[in-house]
Amino acid sequence: MARDFRRGDKRLPPLSLFSQSSLTDIVLLLLIFFLLTSSFVTNFGIRVEVPKAESSARTAEQFISVAVTKE
């Protein structure tokens, strides 16, 4: 035999309510965090100083292929 522990027809209010403001705060904090950390990402690459031309005469265009190996 099951007992009915409800108090009459009255329903108890929920113990906690979902708050949209706390969710908004968390989203804004995450957005600020990702914006700040993305500015610290470094661009990987090699800086190369290109030599200056001695004359302004145009030369024929040449294609050069460069291969980089471990050796």
C-alpha atoms as a PDB file:
ATOM      1  CA  MET A   1       0.000   0.000   0.000  1.00  0.00           C
ATOM      2  CA  ALA A   2       1.437   3.283  -1.105  1.00  0.00           C
ATOM      3  CA  ARG A   3       1.035   6.383   0.984  1.00  0.00           C
ATOM      4  CA  ASP A   4       0.246   9.765  -0.456  1.00  0.00           C
ATOM      5  CA  PHE A   5       2.574  12.265   1.251  1.00  0.00           C
ATOM      6  CA  ARG A   6       1.190  15.347  -0.510  1.00  0.00           C
ATOM      7  CA  ARG A   7      -0.366  17.998   1.666  1.00  0.00           C
ATOM      8  CA  GLY A   8      -3.851  18.136   0.346  1.00  0.00           C
ATOM      9  CA  ASP A   9      -4.136  19.605  -3.145  1.00  0.00           C
ATOM     10  CA  LYS A  10      -1.394  22.179  -2.579  1.00  0.00           C
ATOM     11  CA  ARG A  11       1.771  21.681  -4.554  1.00  0.00           C
ATOM     12  CA  LEU A  12       5.086  22.679  -3.058  1.00  0.00           C
ATOM     13  CA  PRO A  13       7.011  25.408  -4.902  1.00  0.00           C
ATOM     14  CA  PRO A  14      10.274  24.302  -6.514  1.00  0.00           C
ATOM     15  CA  LEU A  15      13.314  24.634  -4.281  1.00  0.00           C
ATOM     16  CA  SER A  16      15.285  26.606  -6.850  1.00  0.00           C
ATOM     17  CA  LEU A  17      14.413  28.511  -9.973  1.00  0.00           C
ATOM     18  CA  PHE A  18      16.529  28.675 -13.090  1.00  0.00           C
ATOM     19  CA  SER A  19      18.048  32.127 -13.350  1.00  0.00           C
ATOM     20  CA  GLN A  20      18.790  33.541 -16.798  1.00  0.00           C
ATOM     21  CA  SER A  21      21.003  36.259 -15.351  1.00  0.00           C
ATOM     22  CA  SER A  22      23.590  33.790 -14.049  1.00  0.00           C
ATOM     23  CA  LEU A  23      23.708  32.078 -17.443  1.00  0.00           C
ATOM     24  CA  THR A  24      24.233  35.456 -19.110  1.00  0.00           C
ATOM     25  CA  ASP A  25      27.072  36.254 -16.695  1.00  0.00           C
ATOM     26  CA  ILE A  26      28.809  32.975 -17.469  1.00  0.00           C
ATOM     27  CA  VAL A  27      28.487  33.490 -21.232  1.00  0.00           C
ATOM     28  CA  LEU A  28      29.897  37.016 -20.997  1.00  0.00           C
ATOM     29  CA  LEU A  29      32.810  35.852 -18.831  1.00  0.00           C
ATOM     30  CA  LEU A  30      33.627  33.099 -21.330  1.00  0.00           C
ATOM     31  CA  LEU A  31      33.449  35.586 -24.188  1.00  0.00           C
ATOM     32  CA  ILE A  32      35.843  37.971 -22.423  1.00  0.00           C
ATOM     33  CA  PHE A  33      38.187  35.077 -21.586  1.00  0.00           C
ATOM     34  CA  PHE A  34      38.360  33.868 -25.195  1.00  0.00           C
ATOM     35  CA  LEU A  35      38.817  37.395 -26.536  1.00  0.00           C
ATOM     36  CA  LEU A  36      41.721  38.030 -24.173  1.00  0.00           C
ATOM     37  CA  THR A  37      43.427  34.683 -24.738  1.00  0.00           C
ATOM     38  CA  SER A  38      43.101  34.875 -28.517  1.00  0.00           C
ATOM     39  CA  SER A  39      45.252  38.021 -28.550  1.00  0.00           C
ATOM     40  CA  PHE A  40      48.151  36.054 -27.031  1.00  0.00           C
ATOM     41  CA  VAL A  41      48.287  33.544 -29.893  1.00  0.00           C
ATOM     42  CA  THR A  42      51.558  34.003 -31.745  1.00  0.00           C
ATOM     43  CA  ASN A  43      51.896  33.737 -35.479  1.00  0.00           C
ATOM     44  CA  PHE A  44      54.447  31.132 -36.384  1.00  0.00           C
ATOM     45  CA  GLY A  45      56.783  31.870 -39.246  1.00  0.00           C
ATOM     46  CA  ILE A  46      60.195  33.087 -40.230  1.00  0.00           C
ATOM     47  CA  ARG A  47      61.000  36.729 -40.837  1.00  0.00           C
ATOM     48  CA  VAL A  48      62.981  37.183 -44.015  1.00  0.00           C
ATOM     49  CA  GLU A  49      64.637  40.393 -45.089  1.00  0.00           C
ATOM     50  CA  VAL A  50      64.196  40.753 -48.818  1.00  0.00           C
ATOM     51  CA  PRO A  51      67.163  42.328 -50.601  1.00  0.00           C
ATOM     52  CA  LYS A  52      66.618  45.666 -52.318  1.00  0.00           C
ATOM     53  CA  ALA A  53      66.873  45.903 -56.085  1.00  0.00           C
ATOM     54  CA  GLU A  54      69.959  47.646 -57.463  1.00  0.00           C
ATOM     55  CA  SER A  55      68.232  48.740 -60.646  1.00  0.00           C
ATOM     56  CA  SER A  56      64.670  49.452 -61.552  1.00  0.00           C
ATOM     57  CA  ALA A  57      64.774  47.360 -64.746  1.00  0.00           C
ATOM     58  CA  ARG A  58      62.300  44.490 -64.717  1.00  0.00           C
ATOM     59  CA  THR A  59      63.626  41.019 -65.365  1.00  0.00           C
ATOM     60  CA  ALA A  60      61.898  37.906 -66.603  1.00  0.00           C
ATOM     61  CA  GLU A  61      59.818  36.210 -63.968  1.00  0.00           C
ATOM     62  CA  GLN A  62      61.314  32.964 -62.667  1.00  0.00           C
ATOM     63  CA  PHE A  63      59.779  30.271 -60.544  1.00  0.00           C
ATOM     64  CA  ILE A  64      61.911  28.889 -57.757  1.00  0.00           C
ATOM     65  CA  SER A  65      60.969  25.881 -55.668  1.00  0.00           C
ATOM     66  CA  VAL A  66      62.455  25.460 -52.222  1.00  0.00           C
ATOM     67  CA  ALA A  67      62.436  22.154 -50.351  1.00  0.00           C
ATOM     68  CA  VAL A  68      63.108  22.013 -46.617  1.00  0.00           C
ATOM     69  CA  THR A  69      64.165  18.670 -45.155  1.00  0.00           C
ATOM     70  CA  LYS A  70      65.461  17.467 -41.803  1.00  0.00           C
ATOM     71  CA  GLU A  71      68.977  16.903 -43.098  1.00  0.00           C
END
